[in-house]
Amino acid sequence: MNKPIKKSSARSEPQTAEGHPTPEEIELRAHQIYVERGGAHGQDVNDWLQAERELLEKNGKTGQMAKTTAA
């Protein structure tokens, strides 16, 4: 008999390896940064890198807290 396939809901947190943000999360944050800057073109790489850095820091802090409370 086949096992039922568990589907993830759209509301669940994205599955990332060791707290790494998904490309979709980075893209969303990079767009937010772009809008916050007034929508000036030509800074897409910087926006992406800033978004990635912010999310890594956020996920790293969250991951550290989870490890600390689980111990």
C-alpha atoms as a PDB file:
ATOM      1  CA  MET A   1       0.000   0.000   0.000  1.00  0.00           C
ATOM      2  CA  ASN A   2       1.301   3.480  -0.843  1.00  0.00           C
ATOM      3  CA  LYS A   3       1.941   5.980   1.910  1.00  0.00           C
ATOM      4  CA  PRO A   4      -0.041   9.213   1.651  1.00  0.00           C
ATOM      5  CA  ILE A   5       2.002  12.174   0.492  1.00  0.00           C
ATOM      6  CA  LYS A   6       2.126  14.959   3.039  1.00  0.00           C
ATOM      7  CA  LYS A   7       1.634  18.339   1.410  1.00  0.00           C
ATOM      8  CA  SER A   8       2.984  21.474   3.008  1.00  0.00           C
ATOM      9  CA  SER A   9       0.575  24.310   3.542  1.00  0.00           C
ATOM     10  CA  ALA A  10       1.194  27.746   2.071  1.00  0.00           C
ATOM     11  CA  ARG A  11       1.270  29.166   5.602  1.00  0.00           C
ATOM     12  CA  SER A  12       4.072  26.953   6.861  1.00  0.00           C
ATOM     13  CA  GLU A  13       7.590  28.286   7.190  1.00  0.00           C
ATOM     14  CA  PRO A  14       9.849  27.495   4.227  1.00  0.00           C
ATOM     15  CA  GLN A  15      12.181  24.562   4.726  1.00  0.00           C
ATOM     16  CA  THR A  16      15.740  25.828   4.672  1.00  0.00           C
ATOM     17  CA  ALA A  17      18.986  24.050   5.394  1.00  0.00           C
ATOM     18  CA  GLU A  18      20.589  25.328   8.598  1.00  0.00           C
ATOM     19  CA  GLY A  19      18.728  28.634   8.607  1.00  0.00           C
ATOM     20  CA  HIS A  20      19.511  29.656   5.046  1.00  0.00           C
ATOM     21  CA  PRO A  21      16.785  31.788   3.464  1.00  0.00           C
ATOM     22  CA  THR A  22      15.090  30.564   0.310  1.00  0.00           C
ATOM     23  CA  PRO A  23      15.572  32.484  -2.952  1.00  0.00           C
ATOM     24  CA  GLU A  24      11.914  33.531  -2.687  1.00  0.00           C
ATOM     25  CA  GLU A  25      12.490  35.041   0.768  1.00  0.00           C
ATOM     26  CA  ILE A  26      15.558  36.903  -0.479  1.00  0.00           C
ATOM     27  CA  GLU A  27      13.689  38.141  -3.537  1.00  0.00           C
ATOM     28  CA  LEU A  28      10.819  39.459  -1.421  1.00  0.00           C
ATOM     29  CA  ARG A  29      13.144  41.282   0.991  1.00  0.00           C
ATOM     30  CA  ALA A  30      15.256  42.659  -1.891  1.00  0.00           C
ATOM     31  CA  HIS A  31      12.096  44.080  -3.455  1.00  0.00           C
ATOM     32  CA  GLN A  32      11.145  45.661  -0.125  1.00  0.00           C
ATOM     33  CA  ILE A  33      14.589  47.280   0.055  1.00  0.00           C
ATOM     34  CA  TYR A  34      14.192  48.520  -3.545  1.00  0.00           C
ATOM     35  CA  VAL A  35      10.846  50.126  -2.685  1.00  0.00           C
ATOM     36  CA  GLU A  36      12.240  51.628   0.544  1.00  0.00           C
ATOM     37  CA  ARG A  37      15.026  53.235  -1.521  1.00  0.00           C
ATOM     38  CA  GLY A  38      12.440  54.919  -3.710  1.00  0.00           C
ATOM     39  CA  GLY A  39      12.586  52.468  -6.596  1.00  0.00           C
ATOM     40  CA  ALA A  40      15.856  53.717  -8.061  1.00  0.00           C
ATOM     41  CA  HIS A  41      17.223  51.292 -10.656  1.00  0.00           C
ATOM     42  CA  GLY A  42      20.751  49.916 -10.867  1.00  0.00           C
ATOM     43  CA  GLN A  43      21.158  48.587  -7.322  1.00  0.00           C
ATOM     44  CA  ASP A  44      19.570  45.152  -7.747  1.00  0.00           C
ATOM     45  CA  VAL A  45      22.702  43.206  -6.806  1.00  0.00           C
ATOM     46  CA  ASN A  46      23.282  45.347  -3.726  1.00  0.00           C
ATOM     47  CA  ASP A  47      19.621  44.965  -2.733  1.00  0.00           C
ATOM     48  CA  TRP A  48      19.871  41.173  -3.136  1.00  0.00           C
ATOM     49  CA  LEU A  49      23.063  40.958  -1.094  1.00  0.00           C
ATOM     50  CA  GLN A  50      21.662  43.187   1.643  1.00  0.00           C
ATOM     51  CA  ALA A  51      18.471  41.109   1.788  1.00  0.00           C
ATOM     52  CA  GLU A  52      20.434  37.874   1.965  1.00  0.00           C
ATOM     53  CA  ARG A  53      22.681  39.258   4.712  1.00  0.00           C
ATOM     54  CA  GLU A  54      19.692  40.489   6.771  1.00  0.00           C
ATOM     55  CA  LEU A  55      17.864  37.176   6.467  1.00  0.00           C
ATOM     56  CA  LEU A  56      20.955  35.153   7.340  1.00  0.00           C
ATOM     57  CA  GLU A  57      21.463  37.277  10.451  1.00  0.00           C
ATOM     58  CA  LYS A  58      17.787  36.963  11.386  1.00  0.00           C
ATOM     59  CA  ASN A  59      17.719  33.199  10.810  1.00  0.00           C
ATOM     60  CA  GLY A  60      21.044  32.757  12.581  1.00  0.00           C
ATOM     61  CA  LYS A  61      19.780  34.523  15.684  1.00  0.00           C
ATOM     62  CA  THR A  62      16.522  32.552  15.583  1.00  0.00           C
ATOM     63  CA  GLY A  63      18.418  29.289  15.092  1.00  0.00           C
ATOM     64  CA  GLN A  64      20.739  30.060  18.006  1.00  0.00           C
ATOM     65  CA  MET A  65      17.773  30.833  20.246  1.00  0.00           C
ATOM     66  CA  ALA A  66      16.073  27.573  19.303  1.00  0.00           C
ATOM     67  CA  LYS A  67      19.264  25.598  20.012  1.00  0.00           C
ATOM     68  CA  THR A  68      19.692  27.304  23.379  1.00  0.00           C
ATOM     69  CA  THR A  69      16.101  26.692  24.524  1.00  0.00           C
ATOM     70  CA  ALA A  70      16.093  23.092  23.315  1.00  0.00           C
ATOM     71  CA  ALA A  71      19.136  22.159  25.417  1.00  0.00           C
END
